[in-house]
């Protein structure tokens, strides 16, 4: 009879290709959404966080795959 311990049941392998791809797609979607939301902020909101419209334009024009 074998006994399973908590340590023996943990997967010690690195994330697989599918997990890495899923994470990349998640990051890309998050960047896209964040940039679109930032582009919709008012002048007052941008002033409150200390960025200009030119900063927003620069960020919003970047493709989602660029950090």
N, C-alpha and C. Protein backbone atom coordinates (compact mmCIF):
# COMPACT_ATOMS: atom_id res chain seq x y z
N UNK A 1 0.85 -1.17 0.00
CA UNK A 1 0.00 0.00 0.00
C UNK A 1 0.89 1.23 0.00
N UNK A 2 0.59 2.16 -0.87
CA UNK A 2 1.40 3.38 -0.92
C UNK A 2 0.65 4.52 -0.25
N UNK A 3 1.43 5.41 0.33
CA UNK A 3 0.85 6.56 1.00
C UNK A 3 1.26 7.81 0.24
N UNK A 4 0.28 8.64 -0.09
CA UNK A 4 0.55 9.88 -0.79
C UNK A 4 0.68 11.01 0.22
N UNK A 5 1.75 11.74 0.10
CA UNK A 5 1.92 12.92 0.95
C UNK A 5 1.60 14.14 0.14
N UNK A 6 1.33 15.24 0.80
CA UNK A 6 1.04 16.49 0.11
C UNK A 6 2.16 16.87 -0.84
N UNK A 7 3.39 16.71 -0.41
CA UNK A 7 4.55 17.09 -1.21
C UNK A 7 4.66 16.22 -2.47
N UNK A 8 4.30 14.96 -2.36
CA UNK A 8 4.43 14.08 -3.52
C UNK A 8 3.34 14.33 -4.56
N UNK A 9 2.28 15.03 -4.19
CA UNK A 9 1.18 15.28 -5.11
C UNK A 9 1.29 16.62 -5.82
N UNK A 10 2.29 17.42 -5.50
CA UNK A 10 2.48 18.72 -6.12
C UNK A 10 3.20 18.56 -7.46
N UNK A 11 2.70 19.24 -8.46
CA UNK A 11 3.33 19.22 -9.78
C UNK A 11 4.54 20.14 -9.75
N UNK A 12 5.71 19.58 -9.94
CA UNK A 12 6.95 20.35 -9.87
C UNK A 12 7.47 20.77 -11.24
N UNK A 13 6.66 20.61 -12.27
CA UNK A 13 7.08 20.95 -13.63
C UNK A 13 6.82 22.42 -13.92
N UNK A 14 7.60 22.93 -14.84
CA UNK A 14 7.40 24.30 -15.31
C UNK A 14 6.08 24.37 -16.07
N UNK A 15 5.49 25.59 -16.15
CA UNK A 15 4.25 25.72 -16.92
C UNK A 15 4.47 25.30 -18.36
N UNK A 16 3.50 24.62 -18.91
CA UNK A 16 3.60 24.13 -20.28
C UNK A 16 3.37 25.24 -21.29
N UNK A 17 3.54 24.88 -22.52
CA UNK A 17 3.37 25.82 -23.62
C UNK A 17 1.96 26.41 -23.63
N UNK A 18 0.97 25.59 -23.40
CA UNK A 18 -0.41 26.07 -23.40
C UNK A 18 -0.65 27.09 -22.28
N UNK A 19 -0.10 26.84 -21.11
CA UNK A 19 -0.24 27.77 -19.99
C UNK A 19 0.47 29.09 -20.29
N UNK A 20 1.63 29.02 -20.91
CA UNK A 20 2.37 30.24 -21.28
C UNK A 20 1.60 31.04 -22.32
N UNK A 21 1.02 30.34 -23.29
CA UNK A 21 0.23 31.00 -24.32
C UNK A 21 -1.00 31.68 -23.71
N UNK A 22 -1.66 30.99 -22.81
CA UNK A 22 -2.83 31.56 -22.14
C UNK A 22 -2.45 32.82 -21.35
N UNK A 23 -1.34 32.78 -20.68
CA UNK A 23 -0.88 33.94 -19.91
C UNK A 23 -0.55 35.11 -20.83
N UNK A 24 0.10 34.84 -21.95
CA UNK A 24 0.43 35.89 -22.92
C UNK A 24 -0.84 36.53 -23.46
N UNK A 25 -1.82 35.72 -23.83
CA UNK A 25 -3.08 36.25 -24.34
C UNK A 25 -3.80 37.08 -23.29
N UNK A 26 -3.73 36.66 -22.04
CA UNK A 26 -4.34 37.42 -20.95
C UNK A 26 -3.68 38.80 -20.80
N UNK A 27 -2.37 38.83 -20.85
CA UNK A 27 -1.63 40.09 -20.73
C UNK A 27 -1.96 41.01 -21.90
N UNK A 28 -1.99 40.47 -23.11
CA UNK A 28 -2.31 41.28 -24.28
C UNK A 28 -3.71 41.88 -24.18
N UNK A 29 -4.68 41.08 -23.75
CA UNK A 29 -6.06 41.57 -23.61
C UNK A 29 -6.15 42.66 -22.54
N UNK A 30 -5.43 42.46 -21.45
CA UNK A 30 -5.42 43.44 -20.37
C UNK A 30 -4.80 44.76 -20.85
N UNK A 31 -3.71 44.69 -21.60
CA UNK A 31 -3.10 45.91 -22.15
C UNK A 31 -4.07 46.64 -23.07
N UNK A 32 -4.72 45.90 -23.95
CA UNK A 32 -5.67 46.49 -24.90
C UNK A 32 -6.78 47.23 -24.15
N UNK A 33 -7.37 46.57 -23.18
CA UNK A 33 -8.45 47.18 -22.40
C UNK A 33 -7.99 48.41 -21.62
N UNK A 34 -6.83 48.30 -20.99
CA UNK A 34 -6.30 49.42 -20.20
C UNK A 34 -6.03 50.64 -21.07
N UNK A 35 -5.46 50.41 -22.24
CA UNK A 35 -5.15 51.53 -23.14
C UNK A 35 -6.42 52.17 -23.69
N UNK A 36 -7.43 51.36 -24.01
CA UNK A 36 -8.70 51.92 -24.48
C UNK A 36 -9.38 52.72 -23.38
N UNK A 37 -9.33 52.22 -22.16
CA UNK A 37 -9.94 52.93 -21.04
C UNK A 37 -9.22 54.26 -20.80
N UNK A 38 -7.92 54.24 -20.80
CA UNK A 38 -7.14 55.46 -20.59
C UNK A 38 -7.47 56.50 -21.65
N UNK A 39 -7.65 56.06 -22.89
CA UNK A 39 -7.97 56.98 -23.98
C UNK A 39 -9.34 57.63 -23.80
N UNK A 40 -10.19 57.05 -22.99
CA UNK A 40 -11.53 57.60 -22.79
C UNK A 40 -11.62 58.55 -21.58
N UNK A 41 -10.53 58.71 -20.84
CA UNK A 41 -10.56 59.57 -19.66
C UNK A 41 -10.66 61.04 -20.04
N UNK A 42 -11.24 61.81 -19.15
CA UNK A 42 -11.39 63.25 -19.37
C UNK A 42 -10.08 63.98 -19.04
N UNK A 43 -10.02 65.23 -19.49
CA UNK A 43 -8.86 66.08 -19.20
C UNK A 43 -8.63 66.17 -17.69
N UNK A 44 -9.71 66.31 -16.95
CA UNK A 44 -9.63 66.43 -15.48
C UNK A 44 -9.04 65.16 -14.85
N UNK A 45 -9.51 64.01 -15.30
CA UNK A 45 -8.99 62.74 -14.77
C UNK A 45 -7.51 62.58 -15.08
N UNK A 46 -7.12 62.93 -16.27
CA UNK A 46 -5.71 62.84 -16.65
C UNK A 46 -4.86 63.79 -15.82
N UNK A 47 -5.38 64.99 -15.60
CA UNK A 47 -4.66 65.97 -14.78
C UNK A 47 -4.48 65.44 -13.36
N UNK A 48 -5.51 64.79 -12.84
CA UNK A 48 -5.44 64.24 -11.48
C UNK A 48 -4.32 63.21 -11.31
N UNK A 49 -4.04 62.45 -12.34
CA UNK A 49 -2.97 61.45 -12.23
C UNK A 49 -1.65 61.95 -12.82
N UNK A 50 -1.67 63.16 -13.35
CA UNK A 50 -0.43 63.78 -13.79
C UNK A 50 0.09 63.36 -15.15
N UNK A 51 -0.81 63.03 -16.06
CA UNK A 51 -0.35 62.72 -17.42
C UNK A 51 -1.08 63.61 -18.43
N UNK A 52 -0.46 63.78 -19.57
CA UNK A 52 -1.02 64.67 -20.59
C UNK A 52 -1.68 63.85 -21.70
N UNK A 53 -2.40 64.56 -22.57
CA UNK A 53 -3.02 63.91 -23.72
C UNK A 53 -1.96 63.31 -24.64
N UNK A 54 -0.80 63.95 -24.74
CA UNK A 54 0.24 63.38 -25.60
C UNK A 54 0.75 62.05 -25.03
N UNK A 55 0.82 61.95 -23.70
CA UNK A 55 1.19 60.68 -23.07
C UNK A 55 0.16 59.60 -23.39
N UNK A 56 -1.11 59.99 -23.31
CA UNK A 56 -2.20 59.05 -23.60
C UNK A 56 -2.14 58.62 -25.06
N UNK A 57 -1.95 59.57 -25.96
CA UNK A 57 -1.88 59.24 -27.38
C UNK A 57 -0.73 58.29 -27.67
N UNK A 58 0.41 58.53 -27.06
CA UNK A 58 1.57 57.66 -27.26
C UNK A 58 1.25 56.24 -26.78
N UNK A 59 0.65 56.14 -25.61
CA UNK A 59 0.34 54.83 -25.04
C UNK A 59 -0.77 54.13 -25.82
N UNK A 60 -1.80 54.86 -26.18
CA UNK A 60 -2.96 54.27 -26.87
C UNK A 60 -2.62 53.80 -28.27
N UNK A 61 -1.63 54.40 -28.90
CA UNK A 61 -1.26 54.01 -30.26
C UNK A 61 -0.36 52.78 -30.32
N UNK A 62 0.16 52.36 -29.19
CA UNK A 62 1.02 51.17 -29.17
C UNK A 62 0.17 49.93 -29.44
N UNK A 63 0.71 48.98 -30.19
CA UNK A 63 -0.01 47.72 -30.37
C UNK A 63 -0.05 46.95 -29.05
N UNK A 64 -1.05 46.13 -28.89
CA UNK A 64 -1.25 45.40 -27.62
C UNK A 64 -0.09 44.51 -27.24
N UNK A 65 0.71 44.08 -28.20
CA UNK A 65 1.81 43.18 -27.87
C UNK A 65 3.04 43.91 -27.35
N UNK A 66 3.06 45.25 -27.45
CA UNK A 66 4.20 46.02 -26.92
C UNK A 66 3.90 46.47 -25.49
N UNK A 67 4.86 46.25 -24.62
CA UNK A 67 4.70 46.68 -23.22
C UNK A 67 4.84 48.17 -23.11
